[in-house]
Amino acid sequence: MADTLTPSEEALERVRGIALALPEAAERPSHGSPGFYIEGGKFFAYFWHDHHQDGETAVVVKTSGLDEQTMLIENDPALYYKPAYLGPSGCIALRVGGPDTDWERVADRVAQSWELAAPRRLLEMGGR
């Protein structure tokens, strides 16, 4: 009998599929968690499950800055929160893995984060 995935494992597989579908995206651990980066460049997303025992399963992505981060949290605090360590730089965490996860919204935020991290040459080639 095949093992079934836990909700957090299912969420990681969904996030992994979204992130690795972007141009030149790759994965490697970052501080004990899966991190997604552009080869030869910057990280654009991290998958956290119970990071520092916070009880959350989330994908952490870049925003355009603290103003956007604040707006997202204020407009949808059930989805977004300020992640430890990366929050002061403007990153945002999206809760994932629950039955109501809007995966299209997650994919859009991951792609926006990729665009913020992508080198000009990738963006000039048409981006995502």
C-alpha atoms as a PDB file:
ATOM      1  CA  MET A   1       0.000   0.000   0.000  1.00  0.00           C
ATOM      2  CA  ALA A   2       1.425   3.365  -1.017  1.00  0.00           C
ATOM      3  CA  ASP A   3       2.047   5.940   1.667  1.00  0.00           C
ATOM      4  CA  THR A   4      -0.115   9.016   1.535  1.00  0.00           C
ATOM      5  CA  LEU A   5       1.377  12.461   1.838  1.00  0.00           C
ATOM      6  CA  THR A   6       0.663  14.680   4.810  1.00  0.00           C
ATOM      7  CA  PRO A   7      -0.957  18.049   4.068  1.00  0.00           C
ATOM      8  CA  SER A   8       2.423  19.775   4.496  1.00  0.00           C
ATOM      9  CA  GLU A   9       4.117  17.308   2.125  1.00  0.00           C
ATOM     10  CA  GLU A  10       1.353  17.857  -0.425  1.00  0.00           C
ATOM     11  CA  ALA A  11       1.798  21.617  -0.052  1.00  0.00           C
ATOM     12  CA  LEU A  12       5.563  21.301  -0.573  1.00  0.00           C
ATOM     13  CA  GLU A  13       5.009  19.286  -3.750  1.00  0.00           C
ATOM     14  CA  ARG A  14       2.601  21.947  -5.075  1.00  0.00           C
ATOM     15  CA  VAL A  15       4.995  24.797  -4.204  1.00  0.00           C
ATOM     16  CA  ARG A  16       7.913  22.868  -5.707  1.00  0.00           C
ATOM     17  CA  GLY A  17       6.011  22.368  -8.959  1.00  0.00           C
ATOM     18  CA  ILE A  18       5.088  26.052  -9.144  1.00  0.00           C
ATOM     19  CA  ALA A  19       8.594  27.309  -8.368  1.00  0.00           C
ATOM     20  CA  LEU A  20      10.559  24.888 -10.538  1.00  0.00           C
ATOM     21  CA  ALA A  21       8.360  25.625 -13.568  1.00  0.00           C
ATOM     22  CA  LEU A  22       9.831  29.141 -13.695  1.00  0.00           C
ATOM     23  CA  PRO A  23      12.844  29.804 -15.960  1.00  0.00           C
ATOM     24  CA  GLU A  24      16.209  28.738 -14.548  1.00  0.00           C
ATOM     25  CA  ALA A  25      14.675  27.922 -11.165  1.00  0.00           C
ATOM     26  CA  ALA A  26      16.401  25.410  -8.927  1.00  0.00           C
ATOM     27  CA  GLU A  27      16.040  24.133  -5.385  1.00  0.00           C
ATOM     28  CA  ARG A  28      18.433  23.775  -2.483  1.00  0.00           C
ATOM     29  CA  PRO A  29      18.087  23.784   1.277  1.00  0.00           C
ATOM     30  CA  SER A  30      18.281  27.132   2.999  1.00  0.00           C
ATOM     31  CA  HIS A  31      18.528  27.105   6.779  1.00  0.00           C
ATOM     32  CA  GLY A  32      17.010  23.613   6.866  1.00  0.00           C
ATOM     33  CA  SER A  33      14.053  24.372   4.597  1.00  0.00           C
ATOM     34  CA  PRO A  34      13.516  24.003   0.850  1.00  0.00           C
ATOM     35  CA  GLY A  35      14.539  27.181  -0.952  1.00  0.00           C
ATOM     36  CA  PHE A  36      13.967  28.085  -4.579  1.00  0.00           C
ATOM     37  CA  TYR A  37      16.380  30.301  -6.449  1.00  0.00           C
ATOM     38  CA  ILE A  38      17.360  31.369  -9.933  1.00  0.00           C
ATOM     39  CA  GLU A  39      20.493  29.478 -10.957  1.00  0.00           C
ATOM     40  CA  GLY A  40      23.509  31.653 -10.367  1.00  0.00           C
ATOM     41  CA  GLY A  41      21.335  34.196  -8.585  1.00  0.00           C
ATOM     42  CA  LYS A  42      18.967  34.962  -5.760  1.00  0.00           C
ATOM     43  CA  PHE A  43      16.376  33.036  -3.794  1.00  0.00           C
ATOM     44  CA  PHE A  44      12.790  33.923  -4.649  1.00  0.00           C
ATOM     45  CA  ALA A  45      10.796  31.535  -2.444  1.00  0.00           C
ATOM     46  CA  TYR A  46      11.114  29.338   0.615  1.00  0.00           C
ATOM     47  CA  PHE A  47       8.851  26.597   1.915  1.00  0.00           C
ATOM     48  CA  TRP A  48       8.453  26.581   5.669  1.00  0.00           C
ATOM     49  CA  HIS A  49       6.644  23.993   7.770  1.00  0.00           C
ATOM     50  CA  ASP A  50       6.455  24.694  11.496  1.00  0.00           C
ATOM     51  CA  HIS A  51       9.472  26.964  11.106  1.00  0.00           C
ATOM     52  CA  HIS A  52      10.794  27.640  14.602  1.00  0.00           C
ATOM     53  CA  GLN A  53       7.691  25.865  15.917  1.00  0.00           C
ATOM     54  CA  ASP A  54       5.300  28.557  14.668  1.00  0.00           C
ATOM     55  CA  GLY A  55       2.688  25.948  13.666  1.00  0.00           C
ATOM     56  CA  GLU A  56       2.389  27.369  10.137  1.00  0.00           C
ATOM     57  CA  THR A  57       2.893  25.801   6.723  1.00  0.00           C
ATOM     58  CA  ALA A  58       3.805  28.619   4.366  1.00  0.00           C
ATOM     59  CA  VAL A  59       5.590  29.777   1.271  1.00  0.00           C
ATOM     60  CA  VAL A  60       7.710  32.875   1.831  1.00  0.00           C
ATOM     61  CA  VAL A  61       8.185  35.223  -1.121  1.00  0.00           C
ATOM     62  CA  LYS A  62       9.535  38.661  -1.960  1.00  0.00           C
ATOM     63  CA  THR A  63       7.353  41.747  -2.253  1.00  0.00           C
ATOM     64  CA  SER A  64       8.179  45.148  -3.672  1.00  0.00           C
ATOM     65  CA  GLY A  65       8.837  46.354  -0.133  1.00  0.00           C
ATOM     66  CA  LEU A  66       7.421  47.054   3.294  1.00  0.00           C
ATOM     67  CA  ASP A  67       4.451  49.059   1.979  1.00  0.00           C
ATOM     68  CA  GLU A  68       3.216  46.149  -0.137  1.00  0.00           C
ATOM     69  CA  GLN A  69       3.884  43.718   2.706  1.00  0.00           C
ATOM     70  CA  THR A  70       1.813  45.821   5.118  1.00  0.00           C
ATOM     71  CA  MET A  71      -1.021  46.213   2.603  1.00  0.00           C
ATOM     72  CA  LEU A  72      -1.205  42.460   1.953  1.00  0.00           C
ATOM     73  CA  ILE A  73      -1.318  41.611   5.650  1.00  0.00           C
ATOM     74  CA  GLU A  74      -3.937  44.278   6.379  1.00  0.00           C
ATOM     75  CA  ASN A  75      -6.133  43.176   3.456  1.00  0.00           C
ATOM     76  CA  ASP A  76      -5.980  39.419   4.146  1.00  0.00           C
ATOM     77  CA  PRO A  77      -4.483  38.505   7.532  1.00  0.00           C
ATOM     78  CA  ALA A  78      -5.882  34.977   7.263  1.00  0.00           C
ATOM     79  CA  LEU A  79      -3.594  34.349   4.281  1.00  0.00           C
ATOM     80  CA  TYR A  80      -0.581  36.604   4.796  1.00  0.00           C
ATOM     81  CA  TYR A  81       1.747  37.192   7.716  1.00  0.00           C
ATOM     82  CA  LYS A  82       5.157  38.732   8.349  1.00  0.00           C
ATOM     83  CA  PRO A  83       7.691  35.892   8.480  1.00  0.00           C
ATOM     84  CA  ALA A  84      10.413  35.766  11.097  1.00  0.00           C
ATOM     85  CA  TYR A  85      13.853  36.899   9.900  1.00  0.00           C
ATOM     86  CA  LEU A  86      12.771  37.670   6.316  1.00  0.00           C
ATOM     87  CA  GLY A  87       9.888  39.971   7.204  1.00  0.00           C
ATOM     88  CA  PRO A  88      12.028  43.053   7.913  1.00  0.00           C
ATOM     89  CA  SER A  89      13.282  42.924   4.309  1.00  0.00           C
ATOM     90  CA  GLY A  90       9.707  43.034   2.982  1.00  0.00           C
ATOM     91  CA  CYS A  91       9.105  39.327   2.410  1.00  0.00           C
ATOM     92  CA  ILE A  92       5.633  37.929   3.004  1.00  0.00           C
ATOM     93  CA  ALA A  93       4.465  34.474   4.056  1.00  0.00           C
ATOM     94  CA  LEU A  94       1.354  32.855   2.570  1.00  0.00           C
ATOM     95  CA  ARG A  95      -0.323  30.103   4.565  1.00  0.00           C
ATOM     96  CA  VAL A  96      -0.651  27.005   2.356  1.00  0.00           C
ATOM     97  CA  GLY A  97      -1.707  23.403   2.689  1.00  0.00           C
ATOM     98  CA  GLY A  98      -5.207  23.872   4.015  1.00  0.00           C
ATOM     99  CA  PRO A  99      -8.280  22.762   2.111  1.00  0.00           C
ATOM    100  CA  ASP A 100      -9.020  26.359   1.087  1.00  0.00           C
ATOM    101  CA  THR A 101      -5.586  27.125  -0.379  1.00  0.00           C
ATOM    102  CA  ASP A 102      -5.977  29.191  -3.544  1.00  0.00           C
ATOM    103  CA  TRP A 103      -3.130  27.670  -5.549  1.00  0.00           C
ATOM    104  CA  GLU A 104      -3.551  30.112  -8.443  1.00  0.00           C
ATOM    105  CA  ARG A 105      -2.996  32.980  -6.012  1.00  0.00           C
ATOM    106  CA  VAL A 106       0.027  31.206  -4.550  1.00  0.00           C
ATOM    107  CA  ALA A 107       1.447  30.617  -8.037  1.00  0.00           C
ATOM    108  CA  ASP A 108       0.968  34.282  -8.908  1.00  0.00           C
ATOM    109  CA  ARG A 109       2.802  35.458  -5.759  1.00  0.00           C
ATOM    110  CA  VAL A 110       5.663  32.991  -6.378  1.00  0.00           C
ATOM    111  CA  ALA A 111       5.943  34.223  -9.978  1.00  0.00           C
ATOM    112  CA  GLN A 112       5.941  37.864  -8.856  1.00  0.00           C
ATOM    113  CA  SER A 113       8.709  37.034  -6.401  1.00  0.00           C
ATOM    114  CA  TRP A 114      10.667  35.317  -9.184  1.00  0.00           C
ATOM    115  CA  GLU A 115      10.350  38.492 -11.264  1.00  0.00           C
ATOM    116  CA  LEU A 116      11.719  40.572  -8.374  1.00  0.00           C
ATOM    117  CA  ALA A 117      14.753  38.265  -8.113  1.00  0.00           C
ATOM    118  CA  ALA A 118      15.333  37.588 -11.815  1.00  0.00           C
ATOM    119  CA  PRO A 119      18.282  39.125 -13.611  1.00  0.00           C
ATOM    120  CA  ARG A 120      17.520  41.600 -16.358  1.00  0.00           C
ATOM    121  CA  ARG A 121      18.528  39.106 -19.095  1.00  0.00           C
ATOM    122  CA  LEU A 122      15.743  36.718 -18.077  1.00  0.00           C
ATOM    123  CA  LEU A 123      13.186  39.498 -17.890  1.00  0.00           C
ATOM    124  CA  GLU A 124      14.256  40.830 -21.296  1.00  0.00           C
ATOM    125  CA  MET A 125      13.857  37.314 -22.756  1.00  0.00           C
ATOM    126  CA  GLY A 126      10.193  37.415 -21.777  1.00  0.00           C
ATOM    127  CA  GLY A 127      10.365  36.389 -18.150  1.00  0.00           C
ATOM    128  CA  ARG A 128       7.948  33.760 -17.022  1.00  0.00           C
END
